[in-house]
Amino acid sequence: MKRGTAPRAWQRMLSGRRLDLLNPSPFDVEIEDIAHGLARVARWNGQTRGAMIFSVAQHSVLVAEICGRLDPAIPARWRLHALLHDAPEYVIGDMISPFKAALGGVYHEVEARLARAILQRFSLNPDPPAALALLTKKADRISAFFEATIYAGFESDEAKSLFGAPAIGPEPLESLLAPMSPEQAQALFLERFKTFEKGL
């Protein structure tokens, strides 16, 4: 890098797109890149049991499913929004909540810009209704509880103190909580995306 020039702020995707992390354009967002990246990003910083990571792609599918079980009447647009709730992590990774809090505003600003570009790319409202935000957050915490107790070594009481008691049991979600390879998680994420997109 030449002296006086700004450091590179874009990442090249497998699709060939170059996504500017500081000023992202919806035109540089591809769902295949998102699915590929999220399927290879580990939840819990990889501190999980088993031979395979629990990926952000798998978590995202789980959250969208939980949203539908909490409120079966929600439209496909809301399910798609829930599926993409952690989509910025396909380029910035999944930082654990304590580290996000330590970084503060800078991290959240970059994440918010990426989220806005991603949602605009798929014709979703970048400022979701309060009811959708609350539903997604509730589903996210339920998913976190199950992940914590099944994969991350948390005792049930500790997980409840952090994420609350889950409003539904794990039985209907067993297939989505089972270990998945990155390829399986990627394919499932894309399948759910296409299903929800057709319902728009």
Protein backbone atom coordinates (compact mmCIF):
# COMPACT_ATOMS: atom_id res chain seq x y z
CA MET A 1 0.00 0.00 0.00
CA LYS A 2 1.34 3.41 -0.97
CA ARG A 3 1.90 5.93 1.77
CA GLY A 4 -1.11 8.21 2.17
CA THR A 5 -3.59 5.85 0.52
CA ALA A 6 -6.54 4.47 2.45
CA PRO A 7 -6.36 0.79 3.45
CA ARG A 8 -8.40 -1.65 1.40
CA ALA A 9 -11.93 -1.86 2.78
CA TRP A 10 -13.48 -4.38 0.37
CA GLN A 11 -13.56 -8.15 0.32
CA ARG A 12 -13.67 -10.25 -2.80
CA MET A 13 -16.44 -12.85 -2.77
CA LEU A 14 -16.44 -16.19 -4.56
CA SER A 15 -19.09 -14.77 -6.90
CA GLY A 16 -16.50 -12.21 -8.01
CA ARG A 17 -18.26 -9.34 -6.26
CA ARG A 18 -16.17 -6.88 -4.28
CA LEU A 19 -18.11 -5.77 -1.23
CA ASP A 20 -17.01 -2.51 0.37
CA LEU A 21 -17.35 -3.09 4.10
CA LEU A 22 -17.50 0.61 4.97
CA ASN A 23 -19.85 1.67 2.17
CA PRO A 24 -21.61 -1.51 1.04
CA SER A 25 -23.79 -1.48 -2.05
CA PRO A 26 -26.83 -3.73 -2.40
CA PHE A 27 -25.64 -4.46 -5.95
CA ASP A 28 -22.60 -6.29 -4.55
CA VAL A 29 -24.67 -8.61 -2.34
CA GLU A 30 -25.40 -12.16 -3.57
CA ILE A 31 -27.35 -14.75 -1.60
CA GLU A 32 -24.93 -17.50 -2.63
CA ASP A 33 -22.06 -15.58 -1.04
CA ILE A 34 -24.09 -15.08 2.14
CA ALA A 35 -25.01 -18.77 2.39
CA HIS A 36 -21.44 -19.90 1.70
CA GLY A 37 -19.94 -17.53 4.26
CA LEU A 38 -22.48 -18.10 7.05
CA ALA A 39 -22.15 -21.89 6.69
CA ARG A 40 -18.46 -21.54 7.52
CA VAL A 41 -18.74 -19.09 10.41
CA ALA A 42 -18.85 -20.80 13.81
CA ARG A 43 -21.24 -19.80 16.55
CA TRP A 44 -19.78 -19.52 20.08
CA ASN A 45 -16.31 -18.87 18.60
CA GLY A 46 -16.18 -22.57 17.82
CA GLN A 47 -16.26 -23.53 21.50
CA THR A 48 -18.80 -26.28 20.89
CA ARG A 49 -18.98 -30.04 21.28
CA GLY A 50 -18.68 -32.38 18.33
CA ALA A 51 -16.64 -32.72 15.18
CA MET A 52 -18.51 -30.00 13.29
CA ILE A 53 -19.13 -26.35 14.09
CA PHE A 54 -22.62 -25.03 14.75
CA SER A 55 -22.70 -22.49 11.95
CA VAL A 56 -24.41 -19.13 11.68
CA ALA A 57 -26.26 -20.49 8.62
CA GLN A 58 -27.75 -23.28 10.72
CA HIS A 59 -28.58 -20.80 13.50
CA SER A 60 -30.28 -18.49 10.99
CA VAL A 61 -32.50 -21.28 9.65
CA LEU A 62 -33.34 -22.24 13.23
CA VAL A 63 -34.34 -18.68 14.16
CA ALA A 64 -36.58 -18.38 11.10
CA GLU A 65 -38.23 -21.71 12.01
CA ILE A 66 -38.77 -20.65 15.62
CA CYS A 67 -40.37 -17.39 14.47
CA GLY A 68 -42.83 -19.43 12.41
CA ARG A 69 -43.62 -21.69 15.36
CA LEU A 70 -44.11 -18.78 17.74
CA ASP A 71 -46.47 -17.10 15.27
CA PRO A 72 -47.60 -19.34 12.39
CA ALA A 73 -49.48 -16.42 10.80
CA ILE A 74 -46.38 -14.34 10.03
CA PRO A 75 -45.86 -13.61 6.31
CA ALA A 76 -43.01 -15.02 4.25
CA ARG A 77 -41.43 -11.55 4.25
CA TRP A 78 -41.00 -11.73 8.03
CA ARG A 79 -39.55 -15.24 7.84
CA LEU A 80 -37.06 -14.07 5.22
CA HIS A 81 -36.14 -11.12 7.42
CA ALA A 82 -35.52 -13.52 10.33
CA LEU A 83 -33.42 -15.79 8.10
CA LEU A 84 -31.19 -12.82 7.25
CA HIS A 85 -30.98 -11.38 10.78
CA ASP A 86 -27.28 -12.29 11.11
CA ALA A 87 -26.41 -12.01 7.41
CA PRO A 88 -23.69 -9.32 7.91
CA GLU A 89 -21.63 -12.01 9.63
CA TYR A 90 -20.85 -13.56 6.25
CA VAL A 91 -18.14 -10.92 5.97
CA ILE A 92 -17.46 -9.69 9.53
CA GLY A 93 -17.79 -13.00 11.39
CA ASP A 94 -19.77 -13.84 14.50
CA MET A 95 -18.31 -11.96 17.43
CA ILE A 96 -19.58 -13.02 20.83
CA SER A 97 -21.80 -10.49 22.60
CA PRO A 98 -19.24 -9.46 25.27
CA PHE A 99 -16.72 -8.51 22.58
CA LYS A 100 -19.35 -6.61 20.57
CA ALA A 101 -20.13 -4.62 23.70
CA ALA A 102 -16.44 -3.87 24.22
CA LEU A 103 -16.03 -2.61 20.65
CA GLY A 104 -19.14 -0.47 20.95
CA GLY A 105 -20.27 1.95 18.28
CA VAL A 106 -17.73 1.18 15.55
CA TYR A 107 -18.73 -2.46 15.27
CA HIS A 108 -22.45 -1.71 15.36
CA GLU A 109 -22.12 1.00 12.71
CA VAL A 110 -20.36 -1.35 10.26
CA GLU A 111 -22.85 -4.13 11.03
CA ALA A 112 -25.83 -1.79 10.52
CA ARG A 113 -24.54 -0.58 7.14
CA LEU A 114 -24.07 -4.14 5.94
CA ALA A 115 -27.51 -5.17 7.21
CA ARG A 116 -29.16 -2.27 5.43
CA ALA A 117 -27.47 -3.11 2.11
CA ILE A 118 -28.40 -6.79 2.43
CA LEU A 119 -32.05 -6.09 3.22
CA GLN A 120 -32.32 -3.55 0.41
CA ARG A 121 -30.82 -6.10 -2.01
CA PHE A 122 -33.73 -8.44 -1.32
CA SER A 123 -36.41 -5.71 -1.21
CA LEU A 124 -36.90 -5.97 2.55
CA ASN A 125 -37.52 -3.05 4.87
CA PRO A 126 -34.18 -2.07 6.48
CA ASP A 127 -36.19 -0.65 9.38
CA PRO A 128 -38.41 -3.58 10.37
CA PRO A 129 -41.63 -3.15 12.35
CA ALA A 130 -41.19 -3.33 16.12
CA ALA A 131 -43.25 -6.53 16.29
CA LEU A 132 -40.92 -8.27 13.83
CA ALA A 133 -37.82 -7.09 15.68
CA LEU A 134 -39.24 -8.38 18.98
CA LEU A 135 -40.26 -11.72 17.47
CA THR A 136 -36.84 -12.24 15.88
CA LYS A 137 -35.08 -11.34 19.12
CA LYS A 138 -37.24 -13.79 21.07
CA ALA A 139 -36.52 -16.56 18.55
CA ASP A 140 -32.82 -15.68 18.60
CA ARG A 141 -32.70 -16.10 22.38
CA ILE A 142 -34.56 -19.41 22.22
CA SER A 143 -32.08 -20.65 19.64
CA ALA A 144 -29.21 -19.44 21.81
CA PHE A 145 -30.60 -21.36 24.80
CA PHE A 146 -30.73 -24.64 22.89
CA GLU A 147 -27.32 -24.10 21.29
CA ALA A 148 -25.81 -23.21 24.66
CA THR A 149 -27.13 -26.30 26.44
CA ILE A 150 -26.69 -28.80 23.59
CA TYR A 151 -23.38 -27.62 22.14
CA ALA A 152 -21.63 -24.95 24.22
CA GLY A 153 -21.47 -26.68 27.60
CA PHE A 154 -23.90 -24.46 29.52
CA GLU A 155 -26.02 -25.87 32.32
CA SER A 156 -29.75 -25.24 31.90
CA ASP A 157 -29.99 -22.80 34.82
CA GLU A 158 -27.07 -20.74 33.55
CA ALA A 159 -28.54 -20.61 30.05
CA LYS A 160 -31.91 -19.54 31.47
CA SER A 161 -30.26 -16.71 33.39
CA LEU A 162 -28.66 -15.44 30.18
CA PHE A 163 -31.30 -16.14 27.52
CA GLY A 164 -34.51 -16.81 29.44
CA ALA A 165 -36.52 -20.02 29.54
CA PRO A 166 -37.47 -21.13 26.02
CA ALA A 167 -41.14 -20.73 25.13
CA ILE A 168 -41.06 -23.96 23.09
CA GLY A 169 -39.31 -27.27 23.57
CA PRO A 170 -36.49 -28.62 21.41
CA GLU A 171 -38.42 -31.66 20.10
CA PRO A 172 -39.95 -29.99 16.98
CA LEU A 173 -36.54 -28.49 16.18
CA GLU A 174 -34.45 -31.66 16.48
CA SER A 175 -33.54 -31.89 12.78
CA LEU A 176 -32.36 -28.27 12.77
CA LEU A 177 -30.36 -28.73 15.98
CA ALA A 178 -28.61 -31.88 14.73
CA PRO A 179 -24.97 -31.57 13.59
CA MET A 180 -24.59 -30.38 10.00
CA SER A 181 -21.64 -30.06 7.67
CA PRO A 182 -21.01 -26.64 6.12
CA GLU A 183 -22.31 -27.98 2.82
CA GLN A 184 -25.55 -29.17 4.42
CA ALA A 185 -26.07 -25.89 6.28
CA GLN A 186 -25.38 -23.88 3.12
CA ALA A 187 -27.85 -25.92 1.06
CA LEU A 188 -30.54 -25.68 3.76
CA PHE A 189 -30.08 -21.92 4.09
CA LEU A 190 -30.46 -21.46 0.31
CA GLU A 191 -33.49 -23.76 0.21
CA ARG A 192 -35.24 -21.76 2.94
CA PHE A 193 -34.31 -18.48 1.25
CA LYS A 194 -35.87 -19.62 -2.04
CA THR A 195 -38.99 -20.89 -0.27
CA PHE A 196 -39.54 -17.63 1.61
CA GLU A 197 -38.73 -15.51 -1.46
CA LYS A 198 -41.38 -17.33 -3.51
CA GLY A 199 -43.94 -16.41 -0.87
CA LEU A 200 -43.30 -12.67 -1.10
